Amino acid sequence: MADKVVSTVTKPQMRGLLNSVIKRNLIVALTLSGIAGVLTKQLVGNPRKKRYAEFYRTYDAEKEFEKMRQKGLFQSC
């Protein structure tokens, strides 16, 4: 005898469909935005912070002022 495989079709969700879709989309959106924020901080923010720190560690304001004064950029100096 051949066994009959009976498959039942699941009923569509009639109540609360919009709420469940919104909840799922909200969870996905919050997760992806959190991941994007962390990646942006790690890949953009931290290297930029290091570059600024390195620039100001070796920056000499008096030397830059003298260079601009030599070029004649100031009217009063």
N, C-alpha and C. Protein backbone atom coordinates (compact mmCIF):
# COMPACT_ATOMS: atom_id res chain seq x y z
N MET A 1 0.82 -1.18 0.00
CA MET A 1 0.00 0.00 0.00
C MET A 1 0.87 1.25 0.00
N ALA A 2 0.45 2.18 -0.77
CA ALA A 2 1.18 3.44 -0.83
C ALA A 2 0.67 4.36 0.27
N ASP A 3 1.62 4.93 1.00
CA ASP A 3 1.24 5.87 2.05
C ASP A 3 0.86 7.19 1.41
N LYS A 4 -0.22 7.73 1.85
CA LYS A 4 -0.64 9.02 1.34
C LYS A 4 -0.01 10.13 2.19
N VAL A 5 0.61 11.06 1.50
CA VAL A 5 1.18 12.22 2.20
C VAL A 5 0.17 13.34 2.08
N VAL A 6 -0.30 13.73 3.21
CA VAL A 6 -1.32 14.77 3.22
C VAL A 6 -0.64 16.08 3.61
N SER A 7 -0.74 17.05 2.73
CA SER A 7 -0.18 18.36 3.05
C SER A 7 -1.34 19.33 3.23
N THR A 8 -1.25 20.08 4.28
CA THR A 8 -2.30 21.05 4.54
C THR A 8 -1.77 22.43 4.23
N VAL A 9 -2.59 23.24 3.67
CA VAL A 9 -2.22 24.61 3.36
C VAL A 9 -2.44 25.44 4.61
N THR A 10 -1.43 26.21 4.98
CA THR A 10 -1.57 27.04 6.17
C THR A 10 -2.51 28.19 5.88
N LYS A 11 -3.28 28.53 6.88
CA LYS A 11 -4.24 29.61 6.73
C LYS A 11 -3.50 30.94 6.72
N PRO A 12 -3.98 31.89 5.94
CA PRO A 12 -3.34 33.20 5.95
C PRO A 12 -3.66 33.93 7.26
N GLN A 13 -2.72 34.78 7.65
CA GLN A 13 -2.93 35.53 8.88
C GLN A 13 -3.86 36.70 8.56
N MET A 14 -5.01 36.69 9.18
CA MET A 14 -6.02 37.69 8.86
C MET A 14 -5.98 38.86 9.84
N ARG A 15 -5.65 38.61 11.08
CA ARG A 15 -5.63 39.68 12.09
C ARG A 15 -4.19 39.94 12.52
N GLY A 16 -3.86 41.22 12.65
CA GLY A 16 -2.55 41.59 13.16
C GLY A 16 -1.43 41.46 12.16
N LEU A 17 -1.74 41.34 10.88
CA LEU A 17 -0.68 41.18 9.88
C LEU A 17 0.17 42.44 9.80
N LEU A 18 -0.47 43.60 9.77
CA LEU A 18 0.28 44.85 9.67
C LEU A 18 1.18 45.04 10.87
N ASN A 19 0.68 44.74 12.05
CA ASN A 19 1.49 44.89 13.26
C ASN A 19 2.70 43.97 13.25
N SER A 20 2.52 42.74 12.81
CA SER A 20 3.65 41.82 12.80
C SER A 20 4.68 42.22 11.74
N VAL A 21 4.23 42.73 10.59
CA VAL A 21 5.16 43.18 9.55
C VAL A 21 5.92 44.41 10.02
N ILE A 22 5.21 45.34 10.65
CA ILE A 22 5.87 46.55 11.16
C ILE A 22 6.89 46.19 12.24
N LYS A 23 6.53 45.27 13.11
CA LYS A 23 7.45 44.87 14.18
C LYS A 23 8.72 44.25 13.59
N ARG A 24 8.55 43.38 12.61
CA ARG A 24 9.72 42.74 11.98
C ARG A 24 10.58 43.78 11.27
N ASN A 25 9.93 44.69 10.51
CA ASN A 25 10.69 45.72 9.80
C ASN A 25 11.40 46.66 10.75
N LEU A 26 10.79 46.97 11.88
CA LEU A 26 11.40 47.84 12.87
C LEU A 26 12.63 47.18 13.48
N ILE A 27 12.52 45.92 13.80
CA ILE A 27 13.66 45.19 14.36
C ILE A 27 14.81 45.14 13.36
N VAL A 28 14.50 44.85 12.10
CA VAL A 28 15.54 44.79 11.07
C VAL A 28 16.17 46.17 10.87
N ALA A 29 15.36 47.23 10.83
CA ALA A 29 15.87 48.58 10.62
C ALA A 29 16.77 49.02 11.77
N LEU A 30 16.35 48.75 12.99
CA LEU A 30 17.17 49.14 14.14
C LEU A 30 18.48 48.37 14.19
N THR A 31 18.43 47.09 13.86
CA THR A 31 19.64 46.28 13.85
C THR A 31 20.62 46.78 12.79
N LEU A 32 20.12 47.01 11.58
CA LEU A 32 21.00 47.46 10.50
C LEU A 32 21.55 48.86 10.76
N SER A 33 20.75 49.75 11.34
CA SER A 33 21.25 51.08 11.64
C SER A 33 22.29 51.04 12.75
N GLY A 34 22.11 50.18 13.72
CA GLY A 34 23.12 50.03 14.77
C GLY A 34 24.44 49.50 14.21
N ILE A 35 24.35 48.51 13.34
CA ILE A 35 25.55 47.96 12.70
C ILE A 35 26.23 49.03 11.86
N ALA A 36 25.45 49.81 11.10
CA ALA A 36 26.01 50.87 10.27
C ALA A 36 26.69 51.94 11.13
N GLY A 37 26.10 52.27 12.26
CA GLY A 37 26.70 53.26 13.16
C GLY A 37 28.02 52.79 13.73
N VAL A 38 28.07 51.55 14.17
CA VAL A 38 29.31 51.00 14.72
C VAL A 38 30.39 50.92 13.65
N LEU A 39 30.02 50.46 12.45
CA LEU A 39 31.01 50.38 11.37
C LEU A 39 31.52 51.76 10.96
N THR A 40 30.64 52.75 10.92
CA THR A 40 31.06 54.10 10.57
C THR A 40 32.03 54.65 11.60
N LYS A 41 31.75 54.40 12.86
CA LYS A 41 32.65 54.87 13.91
C LYS A 41 34.00 54.20 13.79
N GLN A 42 34.01 52.89 13.56
CA GLN A 42 35.26 52.15 13.50
C GLN A 42 36.05 52.45 12.24
N LEU A 43 35.38 52.55 11.10
CA LEU A 43 36.09 52.69 9.83
C LEU A 43 36.35 54.14 9.43
N VAL A 44 35.57 55.10 9.97
CA VAL A 44 35.75 56.49 9.59
C VAL A 44 36.17 57.34 10.78
N GLY A 45 35.43 57.23 11.87
CA GLY A 45 35.65 58.11 13.02
C GLY A 45 37.00 57.93 13.69
N ASN A 46 37.35 56.70 14.02
CA ASN A 46 38.61 56.46 14.73
C ASN A 46 39.84 56.82 13.89
N PRO A 47 39.93 56.45 12.60
CA PRO A 47 41.09 56.89 11.81
C PRO A 47 41.17 58.41 11.68
N ARG A 48 40.03 59.07 11.56
CA ARG A 48 40.03 60.53 11.47
C ARG A 48 40.53 61.15 12.77
N LYS A 49 40.09 60.59 13.88
CA LYS A 49 40.53 61.08 15.19
C LYS A 49 42.05 60.92 15.34
N LYS A 50 42.58 59.79 14.86
CA LYS A 50 44.03 59.56 14.92
C LYS A 50 44.78 60.55 14.04
N ARG A 51 44.24 60.83 12.83
CA ARG A 51 44.91 61.79 11.94
C ARG A 51 44.93 63.19 12.55
N TYR A 52 43.83 63.62 13.15
CA TYR A 52 43.79 64.93 13.80
C TYR A 52 44.80 64.98 14.95
N ALA A 53 44.84 63.93 15.76
CA ALA A 53 45.78 63.91 16.89
C ALA A 53 47.22 63.98 16.39
N GLU A 54 47.54 63.25 15.33
CA GLU A 54 48.90 63.28 14.78
C GLU A 54 49.22 64.66 14.21
N PHE A 55 48.26 65.28 13.52
CA PHE A 55 48.49 66.61 12.95
C PHE A 55 48.80 67.62 14.04
N TYR A 56 47.99 67.66 15.09
CA TYR A 56 48.19 68.65 16.13
C TYR A 56 49.35 68.32 17.05
N ARG A 57 49.82 67.10 17.05
CA ARG A 57 51.00 66.74 17.83
C ARG A 57 52.24 67.38 17.19
N THR A 58 52.26 67.46 15.86
CA THR A 58 53.44 67.99 15.15
C THR A 58 53.20 69.41 14.61
N TYR A 59 52.07 70.05 14.92
CA TYR A 59 51.73 71.36 14.37
C TYR A 59 52.43 72.47 15.14
N ASP A 60 53.04 73.37 14.43
CA ASP A 60 53.68 74.53 15.04
C ASP A 60 52.98 75.78 14.50
N ALA A 61 52.20 76.42 15.35
CA ALA A 61 51.40 77.56 14.93
C ALA A 61 52.28 78.75 14.57
N GLU A 62 53.34 78.98 15.31
CA GLU A 62 54.24 80.11 15.03
C GLU A 62 54.91 79.95 13.66
N LYS A 63 55.32 78.74 13.33
CA LYS A 63 55.94 78.47 12.04
C LYS A 63 54.96 78.72 10.90
N GLU A 64 53.71 78.28 11.06
CA GLU A 64 52.68 78.51 10.05
C GLU A 64 52.37 80.00 9.91
N PHE A 65 52.34 80.72 11.04
CA PHE A 65 52.09 82.15 11.00
C PHE A 65 53.19 82.87 10.23
N GLU A 66 54.43 82.51 10.51
CA GLU A 66 55.55 83.15 9.81
C GLU A 66 55.51 82.85 8.31
N LYS A 67 55.13 81.63 7.96
CA LYS A 67 55.03 81.26 6.55
C LYS A 67 53.96 82.10 5.85
N MET A 68 52.81 82.30 6.50
CA MET A 68 51.74 83.11 5.91
C MET A 68 52.14 84.58 5.86
N ARG A 69 52.87 85.05 6.88
CA ARG A 69 53.32 86.45 6.89
C ARG A 69 54.32 86.70 5.77
N GLN A 70 55.20 85.74 5.52
CA GLN A 70 56.18 85.86 4.44
C GLN A 70 55.49 85.94 3.07
N LYS A 71 54.36 85.24 2.92
CA LYS A 71 53.62 85.27 1.65
C LYS A 71 52.82 86.55 1.49
N GLY A 72 52.67 87.35 2.55
CA GLY A 72 51.94 88.60 2.47
C GLY A 72 50.44 88.45 2.57
N LEU A 73 49.99 87.46 3.31
CA LEU A 73 48.55 87.23 3.43
C LEU A 73 47.87 88.17 4.44
N PHE A 74 48.65 88.81 5.30
CA PHE A 74 48.09 89.68 6.32
C PHE A 74 48.32 91.13 5.93
N GLN A 75 47.33 91.99 6.16
CA GLN A 75 47.50 93.40 5.86
C GLN A 75 48.12 94.14 7.03
N SER A 76 47.89 93.69 8.25
CA SER A 76 48.34 94.43 9.43
C SER A 76 49.69 93.98 9.96
N CYS A 77 50.28 92.94 9.41
CA CYS A 77 51.56 92.44 9.93
C CYS A 77 52.71 92.83 9.03
